[in-house]
PDB file of all heavy atoms in Angstrom:
ATOM      1  N   LEU A   1      76.239 111.488  77.537  1.00  0.00           N
ATOM      2  CA  LEU A   1      75.226 110.786  76.674  1.00  0.00           C
ATOM      3  C   LEU A   1      75.795 110.517  75.286  1.00  0.00           C
ATOM      4  O   LEU A   1      75.705 109.400  74.679  1.00  0.00           O
ATOM      5  CB  LEU A   1      73.950 111.566  76.530  1.00  0.00           C
ATOM      6  CG  LEU A   1      73.031 111.619  77.784  1.00  0.00           C
ATOM      7  CD1 LEU A   1      71.757 112.425  77.513  1.00  0.00           C
ATOM      8  CD2 LEU A   1      72.615 110.172  78.136  1.00  0.00           C
ATOM      9  N   PHE A   2      76.451 111.561  74.733  1.00  0.00           N
ATOM     10  CA  PHE A   2      77.020 111.392  73.373  1.00  0.00           C
ATOM     11  C   PHE A   2      78.241 110.502  73.446  1.00  0.00           C
ATOM     12  O   PHE A   2      78.391 109.628  72.533  1.00  0.00           O
ATOM     13  CB  PHE A   2      77.438 112.778  72.815  1.00  0.00           C
ATOM     14  CG  PHE A   2      76.352 113.540  72.191  1.00  0.00           C
ATOM     15  CD1 PHE A   2      75.531 114.418  72.931  1.00  0.00           C
ATOM     16  CD2 PHE A   2      76.065 113.389  70.848  1.00  0.00           C
ATOM     17  CE1 PHE A   2      74.476 115.030  72.325  1.00  0.00           C
ATOM     18  CE2 PHE A   2      75.016 114.037  70.238  1.00  0.00           C
ATOM     19  CZ  PHE A   2      74.198 114.913  70.964  1.00  0.00           C
ATOM     20  N   VAL A   3      79.129 110.638  74.392  1.00  0.00           N
ATOM     21  CA  VAL A   3      80.359 109.865  74.458  1.00  0.00           C
ATOM     22  C   VAL A   3      80.071 108.429  74.634  1.00  0.00           C
ATOM     23  O   VAL A   3      80.674 107.544  73.998  1.00  0.00           O
ATOM     24  CB  VAL A   3      81.265 110.390  75.557  1.00  0.00           C
ATOM     25  CG1 VAL A   3      82.480 109.456  75.810  1.00  0.00           C
ATOM     26  CG2 VAL A   3      81.842 111.798  75.197  1.00  0.00           C
ATOM     27  N   PHE A   4      79.154 108.076  75.524  1.00  0.00           N
ATOM     28  CA  PHE A   4      78.883 106.646  75.891  1.00  0.00           C
ATOM     29  C   PHE A   4      77.846 105.966  75.067  1.00  0.00           C
ATOM     30  O   PHE A   4      77.840 104.705  74.955  1.00  0.00           O
ATOM     31  CB  PHE A   4      78.574 106.559  77.383  1.00  0.00           C
ATOM     32  CG  PHE A   4      79.680 106.930  78.289  1.00  0.00           C
ATOM     33  CD1 PHE A   4      79.680 108.120  78.996  1.00  0.00           C
ATOM     34  CD2 PHE A   4      80.877 106.128  78.392  1.00  0.00           C
ATOM     35  CE1 PHE A   4      80.722 108.489  79.850  1.00  0.00           C
ATOM     36  CE2 PHE A   4      81.896 106.483  79.241  1.00  0.00           C
ATOM     37  CZ  PHE A   4      81.847 107.668  79.984  1.00  0.00           C
ATOM     38  N   PHE A   5      76.902 106.727  74.499  1.00  0.00           N
ATOM     39  CA  PHE A   5      75.757 106.050  73.852  1.00  0.00           C
ATOM     40  C   PHE A   5      75.694 106.382  72.332  1.00  0.00           C
ATOM     41  O   PHE A   5      75.198 105.542  71.604  1.00  0.00           O
ATOM     42  CB  PHE A   5      74.478 106.477  74.447  1.00  0.00           C
ATOM     43  CG  PHE A   5      74.371 106.023  75.898  1.00  0.00           C
ATOM     44  CD1 PHE A   5      74.592 106.875  76.969  1.00  0.00           C
ATOM     45  CD2 PHE A   5      73.999 104.729  76.135  1.00  0.00           C
ATOM     46  CE1 PHE A   5      74.486 106.426  78.288  1.00  0.00           C
ATOM     47  CE2 PHE A   5      73.899 104.274  77.513  1.00  0.00           C
ATOM     48  CZ  PHE A   5      74.111 105.128  78.538  1.00  0.00           C
ATOM     49  N   MET A   6      76.150 107.512  71.886  1.00  0.00           N
ATOM     50  CA  MET A   6      76.142 107.869  70.425  1.00  0.00           C
ATOM     51  C   MET A   6      77.359 108.671  70.020  1.00  0.00           C
ATOM     52  O   MET A   6      77.258 109.784  69.635  1.00  0.00           O
ATOM     53  CB  MET A   6      74.843 108.569  70.110  1.00  0.00           C
ATOM     54  CG  MET A   6      74.391 109.551  71.076  1.00  0.00           C
ATOM     55  SD  MET A   6      72.750 110.227  70.706  1.00  0.00           S
ATOM     56  CE  MET A   6      72.458 111.196  72.178  1.00  0.00           C
ATOM     57  N   PRO A   7      78.550 108.062  70.237  1.00  0.00           N
ATOM     58  CA  PRO A   7      79.806 108.877  70.032  1.00  0.00           C
ATOM     59  C   PRO A   7      80.028 109.299  68.599  1.00  0.00           C
ATOM     60  O   PRO A   7      80.772 110.282  68.372  1.00  0.00           O
ATOM     61  CB  PRO A   7      80.850 107.941  70.515  1.00  0.00           C
ATOM     62  CG  PRO A   7      80.277 106.550  70.293  1.00  0.00           C
ATOM     63  CD  PRO A   7      78.879 106.666  70.584  1.00  0.00           C
ATOM     64  N   ASN A   8      79.457 108.590  67.599  1.00  0.00           N
ATOM     65  CA  ASN A   8      79.720 108.940  66.215  1.00  0.00           C
ATOM     66  C   ASN A   8      78.621 109.633  65.472  1.00  0.00           C
ATOM     67  O   ASN A   8      78.648 109.808  64.266  1.00  0.00           O
ATOM     68  CB  ASN A   8      80.053 107.582  65.423  1.00  0.00           C
ATOM     69  CG  ASN A   8      81.230 106.835  65.991  1.00  0.00           C
ATOM     70  OD1 ASN A   8      82.319 107.426  66.226  1.00  0.00           O
ATOM     71  ND2 ASN A   8      81.143 105.535  66.240  1.00  0.00           N
ATOM     72  N   MET A   9      77.661 110.071  66.303  1.00  0.00           N
ATOM     73  CA  MET A   9      76.479 110.698  65.703  1.00  0.00           C
ATOM     74  C   MET A   9      76.786 111.981  64.951  1.00  0.00           C
ATOM     75  O   MET A   9      76.235 112.297  63.903  1.00  0.00           O
ATOM     76  CB  MET A   9      75.448 110.999  66.836  1.00  0.00           C
ATOM     77  CG  MET A   9      74.146 111.562  66.332  1.00  0.00           C
ATOM     78  SD  MET A   9      72.970 111.879  67.681  1.00  0.00           S
ATOM     79  CE  MET A   9      71.682 112.661  66.743  1.00  0.00           C
ATOM     80  N   LEU A  10      77.737 112.745  65.453  1.00  0.00           N
ATOM     81  CA  LEU A  10      78.081 114.050  64.913  1.00  0.00           C
ATOM     82  C   LEU A  10      79.177 113.985  63.902  1.00  0.00           C
ATOM     83  O   LEU A  10      79.617 114.976  63.323  1.00  0.00           O
ATOM     84  CB  LEU A  10      78.427 115.025  66.058  1.00  0.00           C
ATOM     85  CG  LEU A  10      77.312 115.348  67.083  1.00  0.00           C
ATOM     86  CD1 LEU A  10      77.841 116.197  68.201  1.00  0.00           C
ATOM     87  CD2 LEU A  10      76.113 115.916  66.441  1.00  0.00           C
ATOM     88  N   GLY A  11      79.744 112.775  63.623  1.00  0.00           N
ATOM     89  CA  GLY A  11      80.824 112.626  62.696  1.00  0.00           C
ATOM     90  C   GLY A  11      80.282 112.118  61.356  1.00  0.00           C
ATOM     91  O   GLY A  11      79.089 111.789  61.173  1.00  0.00           O
ATOM     92  N   ASP A  12      81.146 112.119  60.323  1.00  0.00           N
ATOM     93  CA  ASP A  12      80.750 111.725  58.982  1.00  0.00           C
ATOM     94  C   ASP A  12      81.229 110.237  58.835  1.00  0.00           C
ATOM     95  O   ASP A  12      82.419 109.934  59.098  1.00  0.00           O
ATOM     96  CB  ASP A  12      81.447 112.579  57.920  1.00  0.00           C
ATOM     97  CG  ASP A  12      80.831 112.392  56.552  1.00  0.00           C
ATOM     98  OD1 ASP A  12      80.811 111.283  56.091  1.00  0.00           O
ATOM     99  OD2 ASP A  12      80.307 113.409  56.006  1.00  0.00           O
ATOM    100  N   SER A  13      80.391 109.392  58.343  1.00  0.00           N
ATOM    101  CA  SER A  13      80.679 107.988  58.151  1.00  0.00           C
ATOM    102  C   SER A  13      81.898 107.763  57.188  1.00  0.00           C
ATOM    103  O   SER A  13      82.615 106.834  57.356  1.00  0.00           O
ATOM    104  CB  SER A  13      79.473 107.191  57.697  1.00  0.00           C
ATOM    105  OG  SER A  13      78.965 107.727  56.461  1.00  0.00           O
ATOM    106  N   GLU A  14      82.029 108.694  56.224  1.00  0.00           N
ATOM    107  CA  GLU A  14      83.149 108.510  55.283  1.00  0.00           C
ATOM    108  C   GLU A  14      84.472 108.670  55.896  1.00  0.00           C
ATOM    109  O   GLU A  14      85.456 108.200  55.350  1.00  0.00           O
ATOM    110  CB  GLU A  14      82.973 109.621  54.120  1.00  0.00           C
ATOM    111  CG  GLU A  14      81.820 109.420  53.190  1.00  0.00           C
ATOM    112  CD  GLU A  14      82.046 108.268  52.241  1.00  0.00           C
ATOM    113  OE1 GLU A  14      83.219 107.901  52.010  1.00  0.00           O
ATOM    114  OE2 GLU A  14      81.046 107.704  51.672  1.00  0.00           O
ATOM    115  N   ASN A  15      84.566 109.327  57.020  1.00  0.00           N
ATOM    116  CA  ASN A  15      85.852 109.551  57.669  1.00  0.00           C
ATOM    117  C   ASN A  15      86.284 108.353  58.491  1.00  0.00           C
ATOM    118  O   ASN A  15      87.378 108.359  59.072  1.00  0.00           O
ATOM    119  CB  ASN A  15      85.759 110.790  58.591  1.00  0.00           C
ATOM    120  CG  ASN A  15      87.038 111.590  58.495  1.00  0.00           C
ATOM    121  OD1 ASN A  15      87.660 111.631  57.439  1.00  0.00           O
ATOM    122  ND2 ASN A  15      87.416 112.246  59.586  1.00  0.00           N
ATOM    123  N   TYR A  16      85.485 107.263  58.517  1.00  0.00           N
ATOM    124  CA  TYR A  16      85.916 106.043  59.164  1.00  0.00           C
ATOM    125  C   TYR A  16      86.436 105.027  58.124  1.00  0.00           C
ATOM    126  O   TYR A  16      86.642 103.885  58.374  1.00  0.00           O
ATOM    127  CB  TYR A  16      84.733 105.458  59.972  1.00  0.00           C
ATOM    128  CG  TYR A  16      84.329 106.357  61.060  1.00  0.00           C
ATOM    129  CD1 TYR A  16      83.243 107.290  60.925  1.00  0.00           C
ATOM    130  CD2 TYR A  16      84.980 106.273  62.278  1.00  0.00           C
ATOM    131  CE1 TYR A  16      82.950 108.117  61.931  1.00  0.00           C
ATOM    132  CE2 TYR A  16      84.623 107.178  63.351  1.00  0.00           C
ATOM    133  CZ  TYR A  16      83.564 108.071  63.136  1.00  0.00           C
ATOM    134  OH  TYR A  16      83.175 108.931  64.166  1.00  0.00           O
ATOM    135  N   ILE A  17      86.666 105.543  56.864  1.00  0.00           N
ATOM    136  CA  ILE A  17      87.291 104.761  55.840  1.00  0.00           C
ATOM    137  C   ILE A  17      88.623 105.399  55.553  1.00  0.00           C
ATOM    138  O   ILE A  17      88.737 106.628  55.489  1.00  0.00           O
ATOM    139  CB  ILE A  17      86.453 104.791  54.541  1.00  0.00           C
ATOM    140  CG1 ILE A  17      85.059 104.286  54.864  1.00  0.00           C
ATOM    141  CG2 ILE A  17      87.083 103.969  53.424  1.00  0.00           C
ATOM    142  CD1 ILE A  17      84.056 104.491  53.697  1.00  0.00           C
ATOM    143  N   VAL A  18      89.696 104.536  55.438  1.00  0.00           N
ATOM    144  CA  VAL A  18      91.045 105.058  55.218  1.00  0.00           C
ATOM    145  C   VAL A  18      91.053 105.894  53.972  1.00  0.00           C
ATOM    146  O   VAL A  18      90.408 105.633  52.905  1.00  0.00           O
ATOM    147  CB  VAL A  18      92.059 103.905  55.141  1.00  0.00           C
ATOM    148  CG1 VAL A  18      91.823 103.030  53.976  1.00  0.00           C
ATOM    149  CG2 VAL A  18      93.432 104.446  55.119  1.00  0.00           C
ATOM    150  N   ALA A  19      91.859 106.980  53.965  1.00  0.00           N
ATOM    151  CA  ALA A  19      91.963 107.895  52.831  1.00  0.00           C
ATOM    152  C   ALA A  19      92.427 107.235  51.549  1.00  0.00           C
ATOM    153  O   ALA A  19      93.388 106.463  51.581  1.00  0.00           O
ATOM    154  CB  ALA A  19      92.871 109.104  53.198  1.00  0.00           C
ATOM    155  N   ASN A  20      91.715 107.557  50.526  1.00  0.00           N
ATOM    156  CA  ASN A  20      92.066 106.972  49.149  1.00  0.00           C
ATOM    157  C   ASN A  20      91.982 108.082  48.140  1.00  0.00           C
ATOM    158  O   ASN A  20      91.009 108.550  47.720  1.00  0.00           O
ATOM    159  CB  ASN A  20      91.067 105.861  48.790  1.00  0.00           C
ATOM    160  CG  ASN A  20      91.394 105.204  47.500  1.00  0.00           C
ATOM    161  OD1 ASN A  20      92.435 105.524  46.873  1.00  0.00           O
ATOM    162  ND2 ASN A  20      90.589 104.261  47.059  1.00  0.00           N
ATOM    163  N   PRO A  21      93.252 108.529  47.676  1.00  0.00           N
ATOM    164  CA  PRO A  21      93.200 109.664  46.681  1.00  0.00           C
ATOM    165  C   PRO A  21      92.665 109.283  45.323  1.00  0.00           C
ATOM    166  O   PRO A  21      92.428 110.154  44.487  1.00  0.00           O
ATOM    167  CB  PRO A  21      94.754 109.938  46.571  1.00  0.00           C
ATOM    168  CG  PRO A  21      95.451 108.682  47.048  1.00  0.00           C
ATOM    169  CD  PRO A  21      94.558 108.055  47.994  1.00  0.00           C
ATOM    170  N   MET A  22      92.398 107.994  45.113  1.00  0.00           N
ATOM    171  CA  MET A  22      91.842 107.570  43.778  1.00  0.00           C
ATOM    172  C   MET A  22      90.376 107.460  43.797  1.00  0.00           C
ATOM    173  O   MET A  22      89.728 107.142  42.791  1.00  0.00           O
ATOM    174  CB  MET A  22      92.519 106.211  43.450  1.00  0.00           C
ATOM    175  CG  MET A  22      93.970 106.171  43.352  1.00  0.00           C
ATOM    176  SD  MET A  22      94.618 107.438  42.196  1.00  0.00           S
ATOM    177  CE  MET A  22      94.092 106.717  40.613  1.00  0.00           C
ATOM    178  N   GLN A  23      89.712 107.693  44.908  1.00  0.00           N
ATOM    179  CA  GLN A  23      88.244 107.576  45.066  1.00  0.00           C
ATOM    180  C   GLN A  23      87.666 108.790  45.777  1.00  0.00           C
ATOM    181  O   GLN A  23      87.996 109.032  46.958  1.00  0.00           O
ATOM    182  CB  GLN A  23      87.889 106.272  45.874  1.00  0.00           C
ATOM    183  CG  GLN A  23      86.410 106.052  45.915  1.00  0.00           C
ATOM    184  CD  GLN A  23      86.104 104.785  46.713  1.00  0.00           C
ATOM    185  OE1 GLN A  23      86.975 104.046  47.150  1.00  0.00           O
ATOM    186  NE2 GLN A  23      84.765 104.536  46.888  1.00  0.00           N
ATOM    187  N   THR A  24      86.856 109.538  45.065  1.00  0.00           N
ATOM    188  CA  THR A  24      86.212 110.696  45.629  1.00  0.00           C
ATOM    189  C   THR A  24      84.924 110.357  46.317  1.00  0.00           C
ATOM    190  O   THR A  24      84.131 109.584  45.781  1.00  0.00           O
ATOM    191  CB  THR A  24      85.924 111.713  44.503  1.00  0.00           C
ATOM    192  OG1 THR A  24      87.112 111.951  43.772  1.00  0.00           O
ATOM    193  CG2 THR A  24      85.454 113.033  45.129  1.00  0.00           C
ATOM    194  N   PRO A  25      84.667 110.822  47.542  1.00  0.00           N
ATOM    195  CA  PRO A  25      83.374 110.603  48.246  1.00  0.00           C
ATOM    196  C   PRO A  25      82.196 111.201  47.497  1.00  0.00           C
ATOM    197  O   PRO A  25      82.385 112.148  46.727  1.00  0.00           O
ATOM    198  CB  PRO A  25      83.584 111.317  49.619  1.00  0.00           C
ATOM    199  CG  PRO A  25      85.024 111.484  49.730  1.00  0.00           C
ATOM    200  CD  PRO A  25      85.576 111.631  48.392  1.00  0.00           C
ATOM    201  N   PRO A  26      81.007 110.717  47.616  1.00  0.00           N
ATOM    202  CA  PRO A  26      79.855 111.232  46.930  1.00  0.00           C
ATOM    203  C   PRO A  26      79.565 112.714  47.269  1.00  0.00           C
ATOM    204  O   PRO A  26      79.182 113.477  46.345  1.00  0.00           O
ATOM    205  CB  PRO A  26      78.651 110.359  47.507  1.00  0.00           C
ATOM    206  CG  PRO A  26      79.316 109.116  48.035  1.00  0.00           C
ATOM    207  CD  PRO A  26      80.663 109.517  48.531  1.00  0.00           C
ATOM    208  N   ALA A  27      79.815 113.102  48.472  1.00  0.00           N
ATOM    209  CA  ALA A  27      79.632 114.515  48.832  1.00  0.00           C
ATOM    210  C   ALA A  27      80.746 114.883  49.809  1.00  0.00           C
ATOM    211  O   ALA A  27      80.964 114.270  50.773  1.00  0.00           O
ATOM    212  CB  ALA A  27      78.278 114.737  49.468  1.00  0.00           C
ATOM    213  N   ILE A  28      81.444 115.971  49.470  1.00  0.00           N
ATOM    214  CA  ILE A  28      82.523 116.440  50.328  1.00  0.00           C
ATOM    215  C   ILE A  28      81.958 117.625  51.194  1.00  0.00           C
ATOM    216  O   ILE A  28      81.614 118.723  50.634  1.00  0.00           O
ATOM    217  CB  ILE A  28      83.709 116.919  49.521  1.00  0.00           C
ATOM    218  CG1 ILE A  28      84.256 115.751  48.692  1.00  0.00           C
ATOM    219  CG2 ILE A  28      84.833 117.463  50.376  1.00  0.00           C
ATOM    220  CD1 ILE A  28      85.297 116.170  47.643  1.00  0.00           C
ATOM    221  N   VAL A  29      81.910 117.390  52.455  1.00  0.00           N
ATOM    222  CA  VAL A  29      81.341 118.464  53.396  1.00  0.00           C
ATOM    223  C   VAL A  29      82.203 118.532  54.619  1.00  0.00           C
ATOM    224  O   VAL A  29      82.796 117.512  55.041  1.00  0.00           O
ATOM    225  CB  VAL A  29      79.899 118.123  53.811  1.00  0.00           C
ATOM    226  CG1 VAL A  29      78.942 118.223  52.630  1.00  0.00           C
ATOM    227  CG2 VAL A  29      79.800 116.730  54.436  1.00  0.00           C
ATOM    228  N   PRO A  30      82.320 119.711  55.201  1.00  0.00           N
ATOM    229  CA  PRO A  30      83.129 119.849  56.479  1.00  0.00           C
ATOM    230  C   PRO A  30      82.252 119.385  57.649  1.00  0.00           C
ATOM    231  O   PRO A  30      81.143 118.913  57.494  1.00  0.00           O
ATOM    232  CB  PRO A  30      83.403 121.328  56.510  1.00  0.00           C
ATOM    233  CG  PRO A  30      82.220 121.964  55.821  1.00  0.00           C
ATOM    234  CD  PRO A  30      81.821 120.993  54.740  1.00  0.00           C
TER     235      PRO A  30
END
């Protein structure tokens, strides 16, 4: 169910943006 219908539900949306050392995310969480 997770893999086929909601694969990104448990991930952080910020991690789908390429890393930028000049821009800090609003909240840094593991």
